[in-house]
Amino acid sequence: SATPTGWDSDTDLTYDAGTGHLTITTDLIAGEIKFRANDAWDINLGDDGPNGKLEYNGANIAIAEAGNYTIELILNEAKYAYKVTKN
């Protein structure tokens, strides 16, 4: 609900060969985000913590306030993780 098109479509991330992370810098509104694979909900990652570590079918990730954010999806570690940084 925090992305430009809400839950209605995907906001694609870009692979960064330097870090091995998937990233995007975009404007968000207050709401929630979640990561999913292949434009479907069969494989989705959320955060039950919220501790920056991802779980399959985990909870939505809260975005407290509107602004421009850089989002990193870190899949090249033993425990999948993410970072959401307000710019």
PDB file of N, CA and C in Angstrom:
ATOM      1  N   SER A   1       0.816  -1.207   0.000  1.00  0.00           N
ATOM      2  CA  SER A   1       0.000   0.000   0.000  1.00  0.00           C
ATOM      3  C   SER A   1       0.856   1.268   0.000  1.00  0.00           C
ATOM      4  N   ALA A   2       2.156   1.156   0.271  1.00  0.00           N
ATOM      5  CA  ALA A   2       3.025   2.334   0.321  1.00  0.00           C
ATOM      6  C   ALA A   2       3.670   2.664  -1.023  1.00  0.00           C
ATOM      7  N   THR A   3       3.618   1.742  -1.977  1.00  0.00           N
ATOM      8  CA  THR A   3       4.251   1.961  -3.277  1.00  0.00           C
ATOM      9  C   THR A   3       3.361   2.804  -4.181  1.00  0.00           C
ATOM     10  N   PRO A   4       3.926   3.338  -5.272  1.00  0.00           N
ATOM     11  CA  PRO A   4       3.136   4.235  -6.135  1.00  0.00           C
ATOM     12  C   PRO A   4       1.827   3.637  -6.652  1.00  0.00           C
ATOM     13  N   THR A   5       1.781   2.332  -6.907  1.00  0.00           N
ATOM     14  CA  THR A   5       0.550   1.721  -7.418  1.00  0.00           C
ATOM     15  C   THR A   5      -0.129   0.828  -6.390  1.00  0.00           C
ATOM     16  N   GLY A   6       0.276   0.938  -5.127  1.00  0.00           N
ATOM     17  CA  GLY A   6      -0.343   0.133  -4.072  1.00  0.00           C
ATOM     18  C   GLY A   6      -0.124  -1.350  -4.295  1.00  0.00           C
ATOM     19  N   TRP A   7      -1.075  -2.147  -3.873  1.00  0.00           N
ATOM     20  CA  TRP A   7      -0.974  -3.599  -4.012  1.00  0.00           C
ATOM     21  C   TRP A   7      -1.368  -4.066  -5.416  1.00  0.00           C
ATOM     22  N   ASP A   8      -1.800  -3.144  -6.286  1.00  0.00           N
ATOM     23  CA  ASP A   8      -2.331  -3.522  -7.596  1.00  0.00           C
ATOM     24  C   ASP A   8      -1.294  -3.988  -8.604  1.00  0.00           C
ATOM     25  N   SER A   9      -0.027  -3.602  -8.422  1.00  0.00           N
ATOM     26  CA  SER A   9       1.016  -4.046  -9.346  1.00  0.00           C
ATOM     27  C   SER A   9       2.365  -4.011  -8.649  1.00  0.00           C
ATOM     28  N   ASP A  10       3.369  -4.515  -9.328  1.00  0.00           N
ATOM     29  CA  ASP A  10       4.706  -4.586  -8.744  1.00  0.00           C
ATOM     30  C   ASP A  10       5.490  -3.302  -8.962  1.00  0.00           C
ATOM     31  N   THR A  11       6.424  -3.068  -8.068  1.00  0.00           N
ATOM     32  CA  THR A  11       7.438  -2.041  -8.237  1.00  0.00           C
ATOM     33  C   THR A  11       8.754  -2.800  -8.299  1.00  0.00           C
ATOM     34  N   ASP A  12       9.296  -2.938  -9.502  1.00  0.00           N
ATOM     35  CA  ASP A  12      10.457  -3.798  -9.717  1.00  0.00           C
ATOM     36  C   ASP A  12      11.741  -3.193  -9.168  1.00  0.00           C
ATOM     37  N   LEU A  13      12.564  -4.052  -8.591  1.00  0.00           N
ATOM     38  CA  LEU A  13      13.880  -3.674  -8.114  1.00  0.00           C
ATOM     39  C   LEU A  13      14.901  -4.009  -9.195  1.00  0.00           C
ATOM     40  N   THR A  14      16.094  -3.410  -9.116  1.00  0.00           N
ATOM     41  CA  THR A  14      17.154  -3.621 -10.092  1.00  0.00           C
ATOM     42  C   THR A  14      18.332  -4.311  -9.410  1.00  0.00           C
ATOM     43  N   TYR A  15      18.918  -5.287 -10.098  1.00  0.00           N
ATOM     44  CA  TYR A  15      20.074  -6.015  -9.560  1.00  0.00           C
ATOM     45  C   TYR A  15      21.307  -5.130  -9.621  1.00  0.00           C
ATOM     46  N   ASP A  16      22.017  -5.021  -8.502  1.00  0.00           N
ATOM     47  CA  ASP A  16      23.269  -4.282  -8.412  1.00  0.00           C
ATOM     48  C   ASP A  16      24.409  -5.286  -8.332  1.00  0.00           C
ATOM     49  N   ALA A  17      25.151  -5.444  -9.431  1.00  0.00           N
ATOM     50  CA  ALA A  17      26.226  -6.444  -9.485  1.00  0.00           C
ATOM     51  C   ALA A  17      27.323  -6.165  -8.464  1.00  0.00           C
ATOM     52  N   GLY A  18      27.520  -4.902  -8.098  1.00  0.00           N
ATOM     53  CA  GLY A  18      28.560  -4.550  -7.130  1.00  0.00           C
ATOM     54  C   GLY A  18      28.288  -5.096  -5.736  1.00  0.00           C
ATOM     55  N   THR A  19      27.032  -5.070  -5.325  1.00  0.00           N
ATOM     56  CA  THR A  19      26.679  -5.544  -3.974  1.00  0.00           C
ATOM     57  C   THR A  19      26.001  -6.909  -3.995  1.00  0.00           C
ATOM     58  N   GLY A  20      25.447  -7.279  -5.137  1.00  0.00           N
ATOM     59  CA  GLY A  20      24.661  -8.505  -5.211  1.00  0.00           C
ATOM     60  C   GLY A  20      23.258  -8.331  -4.662  1.00  0.00           C
ATOM     61  N   HIS A  21      22.861  -7.082  -4.410  1.00  0.00           N
ATOM     62  CA  HIS A  21      21.533  -6.787  -3.860  1.00  0.00           C
ATOM     63  C   HIS A  21      20.598  -6.319  -4.967  1.00  0.00           C
ATOM     64  N   LEU A  22      19.311  -6.431  -4.710  1.00  0.00           N
ATOM     65  CA  LEU A  22      18.301  -5.818  -5.562  1.00  0.00           C
ATOM     66  C   LEU A  22      17.925  -4.501  -4.904  1.00  0.00           C
ATOM     67  N   THR A  23      17.867  -3.421  -5.681  1.00  0.00           N
ATOM     68  CA  THR A  23      17.624  -2.111  -5.081  1.00  0.00           C
ATOM     69  C   THR A  23      16.627  -1.292  -5.898  1.00  0.00           C
ATOM     70  N   ILE A  24      16.082  -0.279  -5.244  1.00  0.00           N
ATOM     71  CA  ILE A  24      15.252   0.729  -5.894  1.00  0.00           C
ATOM     72  C   ILE A  24      15.272   1.974  -5.017  1.00  0.00           C
ATOM     73  N   THR A  25      15.225   3.124  -5.653  1.00  0.00           N
ATOM     74  CA  THR A  25      14.982   4.384  -4.964  1.00  0.00           C
ATOM     75  C   THR A  25      13.682   4.924  -5.522  1.00  0.00           C
ATOM     76  N   THR A  26      12.719   5.149  -4.637  1.00  0.00           N
ATOM     77  CA  THR A  26      11.379   5.547  -5.074  1.00  0.00           C
ATOM     78  C   THR A  26      10.673   6.326  -3.983  1.00  0.00           C
ATOM     79  N   ASP A  27       9.625   7.009  -4.368  1.00  0.00           N
ATOM     80  CA  ASP A  27       8.777   7.691  -3.401  1.00  0.00           C
ATOM     81  C   ASP A  27       7.756   6.703  -2.846  1.00  0.00           C
ATOM     82  N   LEU A  28       7.565   6.752  -1.540  1.00  0.00           N
ATOM     83  CA  LEU A  28       6.574   5.920  -0.855  1.00  0.00           C
ATOM     84  C   LEU A  28       5.652   6.821  -0.050  1.00  0.00           C
ATOM     85  N   ILE A  29       4.467   6.320   0.225  1.00  0.00           N
ATOM     86  CA  ILE A  29       3.557   6.982   1.148  1.00  0.00           C
ATOM     87  C   ILE A  29       3.475   6.117   2.408  1.00  0.00           C
ATOM     88  N   ALA A  30       2.897   6.638   3.463  1.00  0.00           N
ATOM     89  CA  ALA A  30       2.723   5.835   4.675  1.00  0.00           C
ATOM     90  C   ALA A  30       1.851   4.635   4.339  1.00  0.00           C
ATOM     91  N   GLY A  31       2.284   3.464   4.750  1.00  0.00           N
ATOM     92  CA  GLY A  31       1.558   2.231   4.459  1.00  0.00           C
ATOM     93  C   GLY A  31       2.453   1.038   4.708  1.00  0.00           C
ATOM     94  N   GLU A  32       2.370   0.040   3.826  1.00  0.00           N
ATOM     95  CA  GLU A  32       3.125  -1.196   4.007  1.00  0.00           C
ATOM     96  C   GLU A  32       3.710  -1.658   2.678  1.00  0.00           C
ATOM     97  N   ILE A  33       4.805  -2.425   2.783  1.00  0.00           N
ATOM     98  CA  ILE A  33       5.408  -3.061   1.616  1.00  0.00           C
ATOM     99  C   ILE A  33       5.671  -4.524   1.933  1.00  0.00           C
ATOM    100  N   LYS A  34       5.940  -5.278   0.891  1.00  0.00           N
ATOM    101  CA  LYS A  34       6.300  -6.684   1.016  1.00  0.00           C
ATOM    102  C   LYS A  34       7.025  -7.057  -0.271  1.00  0.00           C
ATOM    103  N   PHE A  35       7.893  -8.039  -0.210  1.00  0.00           N
ATOM    104  CA  PHE A  35       8.623  -8.505  -1.383  1.00  0.00           C
ATOM    105  C   PHE A  35       7.955  -9.774  -1.904  1.00  0.00           C
ATOM    106  N   ARG A  36       7.807  -9.866  -3.238  1.00  0.00           N
ATOM    107  CA  ARG A  36       7.254 -11.079  -3.825  1.00  0.00           C
ATOM    108  C   ARG A  36       8.010 -11.402  -5.104  1.00  0.00           C
ATOM    109  N   ALA A  37       7.984 -12.664  -5.483  1.00  0.00           N
ATOM    110  CA  ALA A  37       8.718 -13.132  -6.665  1.00  0.00           C
ATOM    111  C   ALA A  37       7.778 -13.351  -7.835  1.00  0.00           C
ATOM    112  N   ASN A  38       8.261 -13.015  -9.027  1.00  0.00           N
ATOM    113  CA  ASN A  38       7.583 -13.357 -10.284  1.00  0.00           C
ATOM    114  C   ASN A  38       6.169 -12.790 -10.397  1.00  0.00           C
ATOM    115  N   ASP A  39       5.946 -11.600  -9.856  1.00  0.00           N
ATOM    116  CA  ASP A  39       4.646 -10.918  -9.964  1.00  0.00           C
ATOM    117  C   ASP A  39       3.491 -11.738  -9.393  1.00  0.00           C
ATOM    118  N   ALA A  40       3.768 -12.584  -8.423  1.00  0.00           N
ATOM    119  CA  ALA A  40       2.733 -13.430  -7.822  1.00  0.00           C
ATOM    120  C   ALA A  40       2.986 -13.528  -6.315  1.00  0.00           C
ATOM    121  N   TRP A  41       1.991 -14.001  -5.582  1.00  0.00           N
ATOM    122  CA  TRP A  41       2.106 -14.102  -4.123  1.00  0.00           C
ATOM    123  C   TRP A  41       2.521 -15.493  -3.657  1.00  0.00           C
ATOM    124  N   ASP A  42       2.800 -16.422  -4.588  1.00  0.00           N
ATOM    125  CA  ASP A  42       3.207 -17.775  -4.197  1.00  0.00           C
ATOM    126  C   ASP A  42       4.471 -17.752  -3.342  1.00  0.00           C
ATOM    127  N   ILE A  43       5.415 -16.892  -3.697  1.00  0.00           N
ATOM    128  CA  ILE A  43       6.642 -16.703  -2.922  1.00  0.00           C
ATOM    129  C   ILE A  43       6.663 -15.246  -2.486  1.00  0.00           C
ATOM    130  N   ASN A  44       6.493 -15.009  -1.184  1.00  0.00           N
ATOM    131  CA  ASN A  44       6.538 -13.640  -0.686  1.00  0.00           C
ATOM    132  C   ASN A  44       7.313 -13.597   0.621  1.00  0.00           C
ATOM    133  N   LEU A  45       7.994 -12.479   0.826  1.00  0.00           N
ATOM    134  CA  LEU A  45       8.842 -12.297   1.992  1.00  0.00           C
ATOM    135  C   LEU A  45       8.413 -11.058   2.752  1.00  0.00           C
ATOM    136  N   GLY A  46       8.235 -11.218   4.052  1.00  0.00           N
ATOM    137  CA  GLY A  46       7.911 -10.113   4.939  1.00  0.00           C
ATOM    138  C   GLY A  46       8.786 -10.195   6.170  1.00  0.00           C
ATOM    139  N   ASP A  47       8.485  -9.403   7.145  1.00  0.00           N
ATOM    140  CA  ASP A  47       9.327  -9.347   8.345  1.00  0.00           C
ATOM    141  C   ASP A  47       8.465  -9.495   9.593  1.00  0.00           C
ATOM    142  N   ASP A  48       8.596 -10.626  10.263  1.00  0.00           N
ATOM    143  CA  ASP A  48       7.831 -10.872  11.486  1.00  0.00           C
ATOM    144  C   ASP A  48       8.443 -10.187  12.697  1.00  0.00           C
ATOM    145  N   GLY A  49       9.648  -9.607  12.569  1.00  0.00           N
ATOM    146  CA  GLY A  49      10.404  -9.008  13.667  1.00  0.00           C
ATOM    147  C   GLY A  49       9.804  -7.764  14.280  1.00  0.00           C
ATOM    148  N   PRO A  50       9.793  -6.625  13.712  1.00  0.00           N
ATOM    149  CA  PRO A  50      10.566  -6.264  12.522  1.00  0.00           C
ATOM    150  C   PRO A  50      12.049  -6.047  12.867  1.00  0.00           C
ATOM    151  N   ASN A  51      12.898  -6.894  12.321  1.00  0.00           N
ATOM    152  CA  ASN A  51      14.323  -6.858  12.651  1.00  0.00           C
ATOM    153  C   ASN A  51      15.225  -6.781  11.424  1.00  0.00           C
ATOM    154  N   GLY A  52      14.642  -6.530  10.250  1.00  0.00           N
ATOM    155  CA  GLY A  52      15.451  -6.449   9.034  1.00  0.00           C
ATOM    156  C   GLY A  52      15.731  -7.794   8.401  1.00  0.00           C
ATOM    157  N   LYS A  53      15.264  -8.867   9.027  1.00  0.00           N
ATOM    158  CA  LYS A  53      15.416 -10.218   8.476  1.00  0.00           C
ATOM    159  C   LYS A  53      14.075 -10.649   7.887  1.00  0.00           C
ATOM    160  N   LEU A  54      14.119 -11.357   6.780  1.00  0.00           N
ATOM    161  CA  LEU A  54      12.895 -11.731   6.074  1.00  0.00           C
ATOM    162  C   LEU A  54      12.484 -13.164   6.348  1.00  0.00           C
ATOM    163  N   GLU A  55      11.173 -13.381   6.385  1.00  0.00           N
ATOM    164  CA  GLU A  55      10.601 -14.711   6.538  1.00  0.00           C
ATOM    165  C   GLU A  55       9.610 -14.947   5.397  1.00  0.00           C
ATOM    166  N   TYR A  56       9.546 -16.185   4.933  1.00  0.00           N
ATOM    167  CA  TYR A  56       8.541 -16.536   3.937  1.00  0.00           C
ATOM    168  C   TYR A  56       7.154 -16.318   4.536  1.00  0.00           C
ATOM    169  N   ASN A  57       6.285 -15.672   3.783  1.00  0.00           N
ATOM    170  CA  ASN A  57       4.928 -15.349   4.227  1.00  0.00           C
ATOM    171  C   ASN A  57       4.923 -14.487   5.489  1.00  0.00           C
ATOM    172  N   GLY A  58       5.996 -13.728   5.718  1.00  0.00           N
ATOM    173  CA  GLY A  58       6.103 -12.876   6.900  1.00  0.00           C
ATOM    174  C   GLY A  58       5.159 -11.685   6.839  1.00  0.00           C
ATOM    175  N   ALA A  59       5.151 -10.934   7.903  1.00  0.00           N
ATOM    176  CA  ALA A  59       4.261  -9.780   8.042  1.00  0.00           C
ATOM    177  C   ALA A  59       4.656  -8.659   7.084  1.00  0.00           C
ATOM    178  N   ASN A  60       3.673  -7.839   6.733  1.00  0.00           N
ATOM    179  CA  ASN A  60       3.940  -6.651   5.928  1.00  0.00           C
ATOM    180  C   ASN A  60       4.925  -5.751   6.667  1.00  0.00           C
ATOM    181  N   ILE A  61       5.714  -4.990   5.910  1.00  0.00           N
ATOM    182  CA  ILE A  61       6.732  -4.102   6.468  1.00  0.00           C
ATOM    183  C   ILE A  61       6.171  -2.684   6.470  1.00  0.00           C
ATOM    184  N   ALA A  62       6.086  -2.086   7.647  1.00  0.00           N
ATOM    185  CA  ALA A  62       5.479  -0.761   7.793  1.00  0.00           C
ATOM    186  C   ALA A  62       6.403   0.343   7.286  1.00  0.00           C
ATOM    187  N   ILE A  63       5.810   1.283   6.564  1.00  0.00           N
ATOM    188  CA  ILE A  63       6.466   2.532   6.177  1.00  0.00           C
ATOM    189  C   ILE A  63       5.708   3.626   6.924  1.00  0.00           C
ATOM    190  N   ALA A  64       6.360   4.245   7.906  1.00  0.00           N
ATOM    191  CA  ALA A  64       5.676   5.158   8.822  1.00  0.00           C
ATOM    192  C   ALA A  64       5.306   6.495   8.199  1.00  0.00           C
ATOM    193  N   GLU A  65       6.140   6.997   7.279  1.00  0.00           N
ATOM    194  CA  GLU A  65       5.854   8.315   6.724  1.00  0.00           C
ATOM    195  C   GLU A  65       6.235   8.392   5.258  1.00  0.00           C
ATOM    196  N   ALA A  66       5.565   9.267   4.549  1.00  0.00           N
ATOM    197  CA  ALA A  66       5.834   9.463   3.128  1.00  0.00           C
ATOM    198  C   ALA A  66       7.222  10.056   2.929  1.00  0.00           C
ATOM    199  N   GLY A  67       7.820   9.745   1.785  1.00  0.00           N
ATOM    200  CA  GLY A  67       9.122  10.310   1.459  1.00  0.00           C
ATOM    201  C   GLY A  67       9.795   9.498   0.383  1.00  0.00           C
ATOM    202  N   ASN A  68      11.024   9.873   0.075  1.00  0.00           N
ATOM    203  CA  ASN A  68      11.828   9.159  -0.904  1.00  0.00           C
ATOM    204  C   ASN A  68      12.707   8.161  -0.158  1.00  0.00           C
ATOM    205  N   TYR A  69      12.679   6.905  -0.595  1.00  0.00           N
ATOM    206  CA  TYR A  69      13.380   5.830   0.105  1.00  0.00           C
ATOM    207  C   TYR A  69      14.257   5.032  -0.857  1.00  0.00           C
ATOM    208  N   THR A  70      15.344   4.492  -0.317  1.00  0.00           N
ATOM    209  CA  THR A  70      16.122   3.479  -1.016  1.00  0.00           C
ATOM    210  C   THR A  70      15.853   2.160  -0.309  1.00  0.00           C
ATOM    211  N   ILE A  71      15.458   1.174  -1.097  1.00  0.00           N
ATOM    212  CA  ILE A  71      15.125  -0.148  -0.575  1.00  0.00           C
ATOM    213  C   ILE A  71      16.122  -1.144  -1.139  1.00  0.00           C
ATOM    214  N   GLU A  72      16.709  -1.963  -0.267  1.00  0.00           N
ATOM    215  CA  GLU A  72      17.635  -3.015  -0.673  1.00  0.00           C
ATOM    216  C   GLU A  72      17.069  -4.364  -0.257  1.00  0.00           C
ATOM    217  N   LEU A  73      17.050  -5.295  -1.174  1.00  0.00           N
ATOM    218  CA  LEU A  73      16.673  -6.680  -0.891  1.00  0.00           C
ATOM    219  C   LEU A  73      17.952  -7.496  -0.960  1.00  0.00           C
ATOM    220  N   ILE A  74      18.316  -8.132   0.139  1.00  0.00           N
ATOM    221  CA  ILE A  74      19.605  -8.807   0.270  1.00  0.00           C
ATOM    222  C   ILE A  74      19.357 -10.314   0.306  1.00  0.00           C
ATOM    223  N   LEU A  75      19.598 -10.942  -0.834  1.00  0.00           N
ATOM    224  CA  LEU A  75      19.335 -12.377  -0.957  1.00  0.00           C
ATOM    225  C   LEU A  75      20.616 -13.202  -1.032  1.00  0.00           C
ATOM    226  N   ASN A  76      21.772 -12.553  -0.952  1.00  0.00           N
ATOM    227  CA  ASN A  76      23.043 -13.273  -1.062  1.00  0.00           C
ATOM    228  C   ASN A  76      23.674 -13.548   0.302  1.00  0.00           C
ATOM    229  N   GLU A  77      22.857 -13.613   1.336  1.00  0.00           N
ATOM    230  CA  GLU A  77      23.293 -13.995   2.682  1.00  0.00           C
ATOM    231  C   GLU A  77      22.480 -15.202   3.136  1.00  0.00           C
ATOM    232  N   ALA A  78      22.973 -15.917   4.117  1.00  0.00           N
ATOM    233  CA  ALA A  78      22.283 -17.119   4.586  1.00  0.00           C
ATOM    234  C   ALA A  78      20.861 -16.807   5.048  1.00  0.00           C
ATOM    235  N   LYS A  79      20.674 -15.690   5.723  1.00  0.00           N
ATOM    236  CA  LYS A  79      19.351 -15.247   6.154  1.00  0.00           C
ATOM    237  C   LYS A  79      18.995 -14.021   5.327  1.00  0.00           C
ATOM    238  N   TYR A  80      17.959 -14.147   4.492  1.00  0.00           N
ATOM    239  CA  TYR A  80      17.543 -13.031   3.652  1.00  0.00           C
ATOM    240  C   TYR A  80      17.233 -11.814   4.510  1.00  0.00           C
ATOM    241  N   ALA A  81      17.576 -10.619   3.981  1.00  0.00           N
ATOM    242  CA  ALA A  81      17.414  -9.391   4.737  1.00  0.00           C
ATOM    243  C   ALA A  81      16.992  -8.260   3.803  1.00  0.00           C
ATOM    244  N   TYR A  82      16.716  -7.121   4.407  1.00  0.00           N
ATOM    245  CA  TYR A  82      16.364  -5.934   3.630  1.00  0.00           C
ATOM    246  C   TYR A  82      16.741  -4.695   4.434  1.00  0.00           C
ATOM    247  N   LYS A  83      16.867  -3.580   3.693  1.00  0.00           N
ATOM    248  CA  LYS A  83      17.079  -2.281   4.323  1.00  0.00           C
ATOM    249  C   LYS A  83      16.146  -1.295   3.652  1.00  0.00           C
ATOM    250  N   VAL A  84      15.501  -0.465   4.432  1.00  0.00           N
ATOM    251  CA  VAL A  84      14.667   0.619   3.930  1.00  0.00           C
ATOM    252  C   VAL A  84      15.230   1.895   4.544  1.00  0.00           C
ATOM    253  N   THR A  85      15.782   2.765   3.694  1.00  0.00           N
ATOM    254  CA  THR A  85      16.442   3.979   4.159  1.00  0.00           C
ATOM    255  C   THR A  85      15.754   5.200   3.584  1.00  0.00           C
ATOM    256  N   LYS A  86      15.317   6.100   4.443  1.00  0.00           N
ATOM    257  CA  LYS A  86      14.706   7.341   3.964  1.00  0.00           C
ATOM    258  C   LYS A  86      15.822   8.280   3.528  1.00  0.00           C
ATOM    259  N   ASN A  87      15.707   8.811   2.318  1.00  0.00           N
ATOM    260  CA  ASN A  87      16.750   9.686   1.772  1.00  0.00           C
ATOM    261  C   ASN A  87      16.547  11.133   2.190  1.00  0.00           C
TER     262      ASN A  87
END
